[in-house]
Structure formats: C-alpha cells, structure tokens
Protein backbone atom coordinates (compact mmCIF):
# COMPACT_ATOMS: atom_id res chain seq x y z
CA MET A 1 9.58 -18.80 -5.47
CA PRO A 2 6.69 -20.48 -3.60
CA ARG A 3 3.57 -20.67 -5.75
CA GLY A 4 1.51 -19.42 -2.82
CA LEU A 5 3.56 -16.22 -2.89
CA VAL A 6 2.76 -15.77 -6.59
CA ALA A 7 -0.96 -16.22 -5.79
CA LEU A 8 -0.71 -13.50 -3.14
CA ALA A 9 1.02 -11.19 -5.64
CA VAL A 10 -1.81 -11.77 -8.15
CA GLY A 11 -4.29 -10.85 -5.44
CA GLY A 12 -2.31 -7.70 -4.67
CA PHE A 13 -2.28 -6.84 -8.37
CA GLY A 14 -6.06 -7.16 -8.61
CA ILE A 15 -6.65 -5.08 -5.49
CA GLY A 16 -4.22 -2.46 -6.75
CA LEU A 17 -6.01 -2.28 -10.09
CA THR A 18 -9.33 -1.73 -8.33
CA GLU A 19 -7.86 1.16 -6.37
CA PHE A 20 -6.14 2.93 -9.26
CA LEU A 21 -8.12 2.25 -12.44
CA ILE A 22 -11.13 4.29 -11.38
CA ALA A 23 -9.13 7.50 -11.86
CA GLY A 24 -9.10 6.94 -15.62
CA LEU A 25 -12.80 6.05 -15.70
CA LEU A 26 -14.38 8.86 -13.67
CA PRO A 27 -15.65 10.90 -16.68
CA GLN A 28 -17.38 7.83 -18.14
CA VAL A 29 -18.85 6.76 -14.82
CA ALA A 30 -20.12 10.28 -14.08
CA ALA A 31 -21.77 10.48 -17.52
CA SER A 32 -23.24 6.99 -17.20
CA PHE A 33 -24.99 7.76 -13.91
CA ALA A 34 -25.57 11.46 -14.65
CA VAL A 35 -23.75 12.61 -11.51
CA SER A 36 -21.30 15.46 -10.96
CA GLU A 37 -17.54 15.10 -11.05
CA ALA A 38 -17.48 15.65 -7.28
CA ALA A 39 -19.93 12.80 -6.74
CA ALA A 40 -17.90 10.53 -9.01
CA GLY A 41 -14.82 11.46 -7.00
CA ARG A 42 -16.43 9.89 -3.93
CA LEU A 43 -15.82 6.53 -5.59
CA ILE A 44 -12.14 7.23 -4.82
CA SER A 45 -12.43 8.89 -1.40
CA GLY A 46 -15.07 6.38 -0.26
CA TYR A 47 -12.73 3.57 -1.24
CA ALA A 48 -9.82 5.05 0.73
CA LEU A 49 -11.93 5.56 3.86
CA SER A 50 -13.27 2.01 3.63
CA VAL A 51 -9.70 0.67 3.37
CA ALA A 52 -8.75 2.36 6.65
CA VAL A 53 -11.87 1.10 8.44
CA GLY A 54 -11.90 -2.39 6.96
CA ALA A 55 -8.24 -3.06 7.73
CA ILE A 56 -8.92 -2.91 11.47
CA ALA A 57 -12.52 -4.10 11.61
CA LEU A 58 -12.19 -7.23 9.47
CA THR A 59 -8.86 -8.26 10.95
CA ALA A 60 -10.28 -7.94 14.46
CA ALA A 61 -13.45 -9.83 13.53
CA THR A 62 -11.50 -12.74 12.03
CA ALA A 63 -8.74 -12.86 14.66
CA ARG A 64 -9.37 -16.49 15.65
CA LEU A 65 -9.83 -17.91 12.15
CA PRO A 66 -7.07 -19.67 10.16
CA ARG A 67 -5.25 -17.15 8.00
CA LYS A 68 -5.78 -19.05 4.77
CA HIS A 69 -9.54 -19.14 5.37
CA VAL A 70 -9.52 -15.40 6.07
CA LEU A 71 -7.60 -14.69 2.86
CA VAL A 72 -10.06 -16.76 0.85
CA GLY A 73 -12.98 -14.88 2.41
CA LEU A 74 -11.34 -11.51 1.72
CA VAL A 75 -10.76 -12.32 -1.95
CA VAL A 76 -14.37 -13.52 -2.26
CA LEU A 77 -15.43 -10.13 -0.83
CA PHE A 78 -13.16 -8.43 -3.37
CA VAL A 79 -14.68 -10.39 -6.26
CA LEU A 80 -18.24 -9.64 -5.10
CA GLY A 81 -17.48 -5.92 -4.75
CA ASN A 82 -16.08 -5.64 -8.27
CA LEU A 83 -18.87 -7.75 -9.70
CA LEU A 84 -21.37 -5.40 -8.05
CA SER A 85 -19.56 -2.43 -9.59
CA ALA A 86 -19.58 -4.08 -13.03
CA ILE A 87 -23.35 -4.63 -13.03
CA ALA A 88 -24.34 -1.57 -10.97
CA PRO A 89 -27.65 -0.13 -12.26
CA SER A 90 -27.22 3.13 -10.32
CA TYR A 91 -24.61 5.33 -8.65
CA PRO A 92 -25.46 4.23 -5.06
CA VAL A 93 -25.00 0.58 -6.04
CA MET A 94 -21.69 1.45 -7.72
CA LEU A 95 -20.52 3.20 -4.56
CA LEU A 96 -21.59 0.19 -2.49
CA GLY A 97 -19.56 -2.08 -4.77
CA ARG A 98 -16.50 0.12 -4.27
CA ILE A 99 -16.93 0.04 -0.50
CA VAL A 100 -17.35 -3.75 -0.43
CA ALA A 101 -14.21 -4.23 -2.54
CA ALA A 102 -12.25 -1.76 -0.38
CA LEU A 103 -13.08 -3.49 2.90
CA CYS A 104 -10.77 -6.38 2.03
CA HIS A 105 -7.83 -4.19 0.97
CA GLY A 106 -6.12 -3.51 4.29
CA SER A 107 -6.74 -6.92 5.81
CA PHE A 108 -5.52 -8.69 2.69
CA PHE A 109 -2.17 -6.91 2.72
CA GLY A 110 -1.91 -7.13 6.50
CA ILE A 111 -2.69 -10.84 6.86
CA GLY A 112 -1.16 -11.65 3.47
CA SER A 113 2.17 -10.18 4.56
CA LEU A 114 2.24 -12.55 7.55
CA VAL A 115 1.45 -15.52 5.33
CA ALA A 116 4.02 -14.40 2.71
CA ARG A 117 6.85 -14.25 5.23
CA SER A 118 5.89 -17.68 6.56
CA LEU A 119 6.42 -19.23 3.12
CA VAL A 120 10.17 -18.53 3.05
CA ALA A 121 13.18 -18.78 5.33
CA PRO A 122 13.30 -16.12 8.10
CA GLU A 123 16.24 -14.30 6.50
CA ARG A 124 14.14 -13.69 3.35
CA LYS A 125 10.94 -12.46 5.04
CA SER A 126 11.15 -8.83 3.85
CA ARG A 127 11.82 -9.97 0.29
CA ALA A 128 8.77 -12.24 0.48
CA VAL A 129 6.62 -9.28 1.57
CA ALA A 130 8.13 -7.25 -1.29
CA VAL A 131 7.10 -9.93 -3.79
CA MET A 132 3.51 -9.80 -2.54
CA PHE A 133 3.51 -5.99 -2.74
CA ALA A 134 5.02 -6.17 -6.23
CA GLY A 135 1.51 -6.86 -7.48
CA LEU A 136 0.34 -3.59 -5.94
CA THR A 137 3.24 -1.58 -7.36
CA VAL A 138 2.78 -3.00 -10.86
CA ALA A 139 -0.91 -2.12 -10.60
CA ASN A 140 0.12 1.43 -9.77
CA VAL A 141 2.00 1.56 -13.09
CA LEU A 142 -0.76 -0.05 -15.13
CA GLY A 143 -3.94 0.88 -13.23
CA VAL A 144 -4.85 4.25 -14.71
CA PRO A 145 -3.79 3.50 -18.32
CA PHE A 146 -5.45 0.05 -18.07
CA GLY A 147 -8.73 1.57 -16.94
CA ALA A 148 -8.58 4.30 -19.57
CA LEU A 149 -7.75 1.88 -22.40
CA VAL A 150 -10.35 -0.76 -21.55
CA GLY A 151 -12.95 1.91 -20.79
CA GLU A 152 -12.32 3.64 -24.10
CA ARG A 153 -12.65 0.43 -26.15
CA TRP A 154 -15.32 -1.53 -24.31
CA GLY A 155 -16.81 0.80 -21.70
CA TRP A 156 -16.03 1.32 -18.02
CA ARG A 157 -17.94 -1.81 -16.94
CA ALA A 158 -15.54 -4.01 -18.90
CA ALA A 159 -12.67 -2.81 -16.68
CA PHE A 160 -14.46 -4.05 -13.57
CA TRP A 161 -15.30 -7.34 -15.27
CA ALA A 162 -11.59 -7.76 -16.03
CA VAL A 163 -10.64 -7.11 -12.38
CA THR A 164 -13.30 -9.59 -11.28
CA VAL A 165 -11.63 -12.26 -13.42
CA ILE A 166 -8.23 -11.42 -11.94
CA GLY A 167 -9.78 -11.79 -8.49
CA LEU A 168 -11.08 -15.24 -9.40
CA LEU A 169 -7.60 -16.27 -10.59
CA ALA A 170 -6.10 -15.06 -7.30
CA LEU A 171 -8.79 -16.93 -5.37
CA ALA A 172 -8.02 -20.18 -7.19
CA GLY A 173 -4.28 -19.71 -6.60
CA ILE A 174 -4.69 -19.04 -2.88
CA ILE A 175 -6.95 -22.06 -2.45
CA ALA A 176 -4.55 -24.31 -4.34
CA PHE A 177 -1.12 -23.10 -3.24
CA VAL A 178 -1.27 -21.28 0.11
CA PRO A 179 -0.66 -23.78 2.94
CA ARG A 180 -3.58 -24.79 5.10
CA ARG A 181 -1.96 -23.31 8.20
CA ALA A 182 0.15 -20.14 8.32
CA GLY A 183 3.80 -21.06 8.52
CA GLU A 184 3.29 -24.57 7.20
CA ARG A 185 5.69 -25.45 4.37
CA ALA A 186 5.84 -28.74 2.54
CA GLY A 187 8.00 -31.24 4.41
CA GLU A 188 8.92 -28.81 7.18
CA THR A 189 7.83 -28.19 10.74
CA PRO A 190 5.78 -25.00 10.97
CA PRO A 191 7.93 -22.21 12.49
CA THR A 192 7.00 -20.57 15.74
CA GLU A 193 5.34 -17.66 13.89
CA ALA A 194 2.39 -20.00 13.42
CA ALA A 195 1.74 -19.56 17.17
CA ALA A 196 1.13 -15.81 16.82
CA PRO A 197 -1.65 -14.35 19.00
CA THR A 198 -5.10 -15.08 17.62
CA GLY A 199 -7.61 -13.81 20.17
CA LEU A 200 -8.64 -10.17 19.94
CA ARG A 201 -7.42 -9.39 23.45
CA ALA A 202 -4.04 -10.99 22.75
CA GLN A 203 -3.71 -9.07 19.49
CA LEU A 204 -4.61 -5.80 21.18
CA GLY A 205 -1.89 -6.58 23.70
CA ALA A 206 0.66 -6.21 20.90
CA PHE A 207 -0.04 -2.47 20.91
CA ARG A 208 1.54 -2.15 24.35
CA SER A 209 4.87 -2.17 22.53
CA GLY A 210 6.35 1.27 22.04
CA GLN A 211 8.21 -0.04 18.98
CA VAL A 212 4.90 -0.93 17.33
CA TRP A 213 3.61 2.61 17.81
CA LEU A 214 6.85 4.22 16.64
CA THR A 215 6.74 2.10 13.47
CA LEU A 216 3.10 2.99 12.82
CA VAL A 217 3.82 6.70 13.27
CA ALA A 218 6.86 6.49 10.97
CA THR A 219 4.70 4.69 8.38
CA ALA A 220 1.93 7.30 8.53
CA LEU A 221 4.37 10.21 8.26
CA GLY A 222 6.46 8.60 5.52
CA TYR A 223 3.41 7.85 3.40
CA GLY A 224 1.79 11.17 4.29
CA GLY A 225 4.77 13.16 3.08
CA MET A 226 5.07 11.27 -0.18
CA PHE A 227 1.38 11.29 -1.07
CA GLY A 228 0.97 14.85 0.12
CA ALA A 229 3.38 15.75 -2.68
CA PHE A 230 2.11 13.14 -5.14
CA SER A 231 -1.54 14.24 -4.85
CA TYR A 232 -0.68 17.51 -6.62
CA ILE A 233 2.18 16.31 -8.80
CA ALA A 234 0.16 16.78 -12.01
CA TYR A 235 -0.10 20.50 -11.25
CA THR A 236 3.63 20.63 -10.52
CA PHE A 237 4.35 19.06 -13.90
CA THR A 238 2.03 21.27 -15.94
CA GLU A 239 2.12 24.59 -14.07
CA VAL A 240 5.79 24.57 -13.02
CA GLY A 241 7.63 22.09 -15.22
CA GLY A 242 6.04 23.16 -18.49
CA PHE A 243 4.76 19.70 -19.41
CA SER A 244 1.49 19.30 -21.30
CA SER A 245 -1.47 17.54 -19.73
CA ALA A 246 -0.88 14.67 -22.16
CA ASP A 247 2.59 14.14 -20.66
CA VAL A 248 1.23 13.50 -17.17
CA ALA A 249 0.22 9.90 -17.94
CA TRP A 250 3.71 8.73 -18.91
CA LEU A 251 5.30 10.74 -16.09
CA LEU A 252 3.07 8.91 -13.63
CA MET A 253 4.20 5.64 -15.20
CA VAL A 254 7.82 6.68 -14.53
CA TYR A 255 6.81 7.19 -10.90
CA GLY A 256 5.13 3.77 -10.89
CA VAL A 257 8.25 2.07 -12.24
CA GLY A 258 10.13 3.72 -9.39
CA LEU A 259 7.68 2.14 -6.94
CA VAL A 260 8.35 -1.32 -8.39
CA VAL A 261 12.13 -0.86 -8.23
CA GLY A 262 12.04 0.63 -4.73
CA ASN A 263 9.84 -2.16 -3.40
CA LEU A 264 12.21 -4.89 -4.58
CA ILE A 265 15.39 -3.08 -3.48
CA GLY A 266 13.82 -2.21 -0.13
CA GLY A 267 12.85 -5.80 0.58
CA ARG A 268 16.36 -7.05 -0.04
CA ALA A 269 17.94 -4.21 1.96
CA ALA A 270 15.61 -4.77 4.91
CA ASP A 271 16.64 -8.42 5.13
CA HIS A 272 20.26 -7.26 5.43
CA ASP A 273 19.87 -4.41 7.98
CA ARG A 274 16.25 -3.38 8.41
CA ASP A 275 16.42 -0.27 10.60
CA ARG A 276 19.34 1.17 8.65
CA ALA A 277 17.49 0.54 5.37
CA LEU A 278 14.35 2.26 6.70
CA VAL A 279 16.20 5.36 7.90
CA LEU A 280 18.09 5.64 4.60
CA ALA A 281 14.91 5.19 2.54
CA LEU A 282 13.08 7.93 4.46
CA ALA A 283 16.11 10.24 4.37
CA GLY A 284 16.42 9.66 0.62
CA LEU A 285 12.75 10.53 0.15
CA THR A 286 13.17 13.72 2.20
CA VAL A 287 16.09 14.89 0.06
CA THR A 288 14.34 13.89 -3.18
CA LEU A 289 11.20 15.91 -2.38
CA ALA A 290 13.18 18.97 -1.33
CA VAL A 291 15.40 18.87 -4.42
CA PHE A 292 12.33 18.28 -6.60
CA GLY A 293 10.85 21.50 -5.25
CA LEU A 294 14.03 23.36 -6.18
CA LEU A 295 14.40 21.86 -9.67
CA ALA A 296 10.77 21.45 -10.70
CA THR A 297 11.21 23.95 -13.55
CA SER A 298 13.66 21.56 -15.25
CA ALA A 299 11.97 18.89 -17.37
CA THR A 300 14.93 16.51 -17.21
CA ALA A 301 15.31 16.86 -13.44
CA SER A 302 11.56 16.32 -12.97
CA VAL A 303 11.67 12.97 -14.79
CA VAL A 304 14.64 11.76 -12.74
CA LEU A 305 13.25 13.02 -9.44
CA VAL A 306 9.74 11.61 -9.88
CA PHE A 307 11.39 8.22 -10.50
CA LEU A 308 13.50 8.57 -7.34
CA MET A 309 10.39 9.69 -5.48
CA GLY A 310 8.83 6.34 -6.31
CA VAL A 311 12.01 4.40 -5.45
CA PHE A 312 12.54 5.94 -2.01
CA GLY A 313 8.80 6.21 -1.35
CA PHE A 314 8.20 2.47 -1.52
CA ALA A 315 11.62 1.17 -0.44
CA GLY A 316 10.55 1.26 3.19
CA VAL A 317 7.26 -0.62 2.81
CA PRO A 318 8.48 -4.25 3.18
CA GLY A 319 10.71 -3.35 6.13
CA MET A 320 8.01 -1.36 7.91
CA ILE A 321 5.58 -4.27 7.71
CA THR A 322 8.05 -6.90 8.93
CA ARG A 323 9.20 -4.53 11.67
CA VAL A 324 5.75 -3.85 13.06
CA THR A 325 4.79 -7.53 12.94
CA ASP A 326 8.05 -8.63 14.57
CA TYR A 327 7.51 -6.32 17.53
CA ALA A 328 3.82 -7.26 17.61
CA HIS A 329 4.85 -10.95 17.79
CA GLY A 330 3.07 -11.73 14.53
CA ALA A 331 -0.30 -10.17 15.44
CA ALA A 332 -2.34 -9.76 12.25
CA LEU A 333 -4.11 -6.72 13.71
CA ALA A 334 -0.80 -4.84 13.88
CA ALA A 335 -0.02 -5.70 10.26
CA SER A 336 -3.41 -4.38 9.17
CA ALA A 337 -2.98 -1.31 11.39
CA ASN A 338 0.16 -0.54 9.38
CA VAL A 339 -1.95 -0.43 6.21
CA SER A 340 -4.49 1.80 7.96
CA ALA A 341 -1.69 4.08 9.16
CA SER A 342 -0.47 4.52 5.59
CA ASN A 343 -3.97 5.44 4.37
CA ILE A 344 -4.48 7.89 7.22
CA GLY A 345 -1.12 9.41 6.34
CA ASN A 346 -2.20 9.68 2.70
CA ALA A 347 -5.30 11.65 3.66
CA LEU A 348 -3.47 13.97 6.08
CA GLY A 349 -0.61 14.56 3.63
CA ALA A 350 -2.98 15.45 0.80
CA TRP A 351 -4.83 17.82 3.16
CA ALA A 352 -1.60 19.54 4.22
CA GLY A 353 -0.44 19.89 0.63
CA GLY A 354 -3.78 21.39 -0.34
CA LEU A 355 -3.54 23.92 2.50
CA ALA A 356 -0.14 25.05 1.19
CA ILE A 357 -1.54 25.63 -2.30
CA THR A 358 -4.62 27.42 -0.92
CA ALA A 359 -2.31 29.68 1.07
CA GLY A 360 -0.82 30.84 -2.24
CA LEU A 361 2.57 29.16 -1.81
CA GLY A 362 2.52 27.71 -5.32
CA TYR A 363 2.47 24.24 -6.86
CA THR A 364 5.90 23.30 -5.54
CA ALA A 365 4.73 23.87 -1.96
CA PRO A 366 3.37 20.31 -1.52
CA LEU A 367 6.85 19.00 -2.29
CA TYR A 368 8.37 21.07 0.51
CA VAL A 369 5.52 20.21 2.87
CA GLY A 370 6.01 16.55 2.02
CA ALA A 371 9.75 16.81 2.66
CA GLY A 372 9.05 18.32 6.08
CA ILE A 373 6.60 15.57 7.01
CA VAL A 374 8.97 12.81 5.91
CA LEU A 375 11.81 14.47 7.84
CA ILE A 376 9.76 14.00 11.01
CA SER A 377 9.35 10.35 9.99
CA VAL A 378 13.15 10.07 9.72
CA LEU A 379 13.48 11.38 13.27
CA VAL A 380 10.82 8.96 14.57
CA MET A 381 12.48 6.02 12.82
CA THR A 382 15.90 7.05 14.14
CA VAL A 383 14.52 7.11 17.70
CA ALA A 384 12.92 3.71 17.17
CA ALA A 385 16.18 2.25 15.85
CA HIS A 386 18.16 3.77 18.73
CA ARG A 387 15.75 2.38 21.33
CA ALA A 388 15.92 -1.05 19.75
CA ARG A 389 19.72 -1.05 19.65
CA PRO A 390 20.54 -1.74 23.34
CA ALA A 391 18.58 -4.98 23.33
CA GLY A 392 20.04 -5.61 19.89
CA ARG A 393 19.64 -8.83 18.08
CA GLN A 394 18.26 -10.60 21.14
CA ASP A 395 15.03 -8.57 21.07
CA ARG A 396 14.53 -9.15 17.35
CA GLU A 397 15.09 -12.86 17.67
CA SER A 398 12.74 -12.96 20.66
CA ALA A 399 10.09 -11.16 18.63
CA VAL A 400 10.41 -13.74 15.86
CA ARG A 401 10.34 -16.67 18.30
CA ARG A 402 7.14 -15.44 19.88
C-alpha cells in the first residue's frame, strides 16, 4: 500500500473524528460556555453546513494549484480550526473553530480521492478511494465514544487537542509521502489523469455531462435515505426495540463497523463492475431499511439490520466518487460536489424523517421514508447505468484517458 495513501487515510480519520466526537461532548461544552442545548447543537449543524459550502468554494478557489499543495493547505486549515476549538475562550470562538475545521472537509475528500486513485494502478482506483475513506468510517465507529471518554477523563478541550495532534501527523505524512504532482508515482510516467482540467471554467464544463448529474443525484438520494433513517435510529432502538438508552452507544458502534466493512467491500466490487455494484448496494440498502421497519420490535433483528444498514449504506461511496470523477474527466470540483451532494442529502433526509415523526407515524416511519428515498436513488442509478451501456467500455476508457 502506498505510504501516501496511508497519510490520506490518517487525514480522513482526523476529519472524521472532528465531525463525530462533538456529539459526545455537547453537554460539557454547553455547561462550559453556559449556553443552551440548542445553541450547543449548532456546533454540529454549523459544521455540516460549512462542509457543503466549503467543498465547492475551496475547490473552485484552488482549481489551478497543484493538488498536493492544496491538500497541505486544507490540513493546515483543519489543524488551525481544531486548535481554535481547543483554546476557545467563548462560544462564538468555538463555533468559529468548528466552521474553519469544516471548510476543509469536503475539499479534502474530493481532491484526496483523486490523488488516492492516482497512487495505484487504474484497475484498483475504487479500492484506493476506499482505503482513504476507511479513516472516515473508523472515525465513525470511534468518534462518539472517543470524545465521551477523553472528555470525561480530561475535559472536552483535551479531545480537540488530540485531534489537532492527529492532524499534524497527517500533515507530516502528506508532505513526506504524497507525490509532488498528482498521478506521479516513483519510477513511472504520470498517467493521463494528471492532465485533468484545472481552470475553473474547464472544471465547470465537466457539469455538462448528464452522467455527472445522475451520479450526484443518486449520491444525494442514497445518503439522504440512509441518514434520514439514521438520524432517528436512537428513538427506534429505545421506543420500538425496547433497548435502554445505555445500549444505544454499542448499537451505533455495530453500525459503524458495518460502515467499515461496506466501504472495503464496495471498493473492491466497484473495481470489478462499478455500475452493477452501485445498483446492488442501493437496492440492498432499500430492502434493509424496509425490513428494519417491519422487524424493529425484535432486538436480534435490530442488531443484524443496523449492521447491514452500515454495510449497504457505505458500499456505494468509493464507486460513486470514481464514477463522478471519471465522467467529469478528473475535475476536482466534481469530486467535491459529490461530497456536498451527500451532505445536502443528509440534511434533506433528516428533515423528511422528522416530518414523518411529527405527523404521528411513529419511530419506524423514518426507516420507511428512508427506504422510499433510496428506492428513487436505485431508479436514478439504473437509468445512469443503462445510458452508459450503449457506449460501453469505450466511454469509460475515454473518461479515464481525458
């Protein structure tokens, strides 16, 4: 495994920790700054909104810069944001630190995915993206318990100091091991992906592709359905499944392990037959959410299904990213737009799930709503695959060559 790929995974792990650990620290942060729970919750929602904005804005602003230099700058921004959170004397400064750290999130995974795939042979590109995202999925497993444990023993600021150190390690690894130019491997001629569009106008031109838009819509709907259900999963466990509130933490870890497994399986499957793997992953998620709604009263079924929810939910991520960047001819803006699409989907899915609960449909309703949203994603992905089929392999190889 290229050492540069490991450095990118460490960066993904640090960014993932920043996103997830705050959930276990909110009571301490709210008490520290004497703010309400709702105000403390803006440290989460403000982060998510900044991810969606930063993914597009920073990628567009750095379109002409070498990708390694951009990655270094993004990780520096990440370190500064977490450092600001660690030393924040007031709530507004804390919120600013969260926003600064979040700005790098989307661009890092968007540009990092292009660099990751350039470090390996073309037939392993989805697996390379999966390795980079493995850091994020592991952080999903460890983020909340890590934040709660460190915060309980040494205070919430210690958790942000720890993430700052992880960011510095990732920064050192990227500087040392990521090639100077994207696509440049030791002793080899840089592949044609290194000639991807760099100017903003050229990158915007990638969005003339209908396949790019179909992939972005499928991403938003796939994520939206899963996170629309996941946002209220704690209520499903406690109010429907009969679990105690103390059980929720380990159940969420089961879900996180599913994310890790799904990410790795999905990367390998996408390298074999990408469109087929994406349709099957989304179809599997649709069935899982619907069956979960039916069997949520069973404790055993809930454990199995929340694991499968994680597996199918993340199995499509590596393939979606390589698909959108292939049809965008390697444009970094399209890769970052894919991250933004997933975050927009998260917000819309959570909103739709909340509407179902407010309407009095019960705590299994978000699962059914999520299944319906993902089903639409299956249809969109099926149309995309069908439209790509006539041109067949020639189009895909042309996309890679460009």
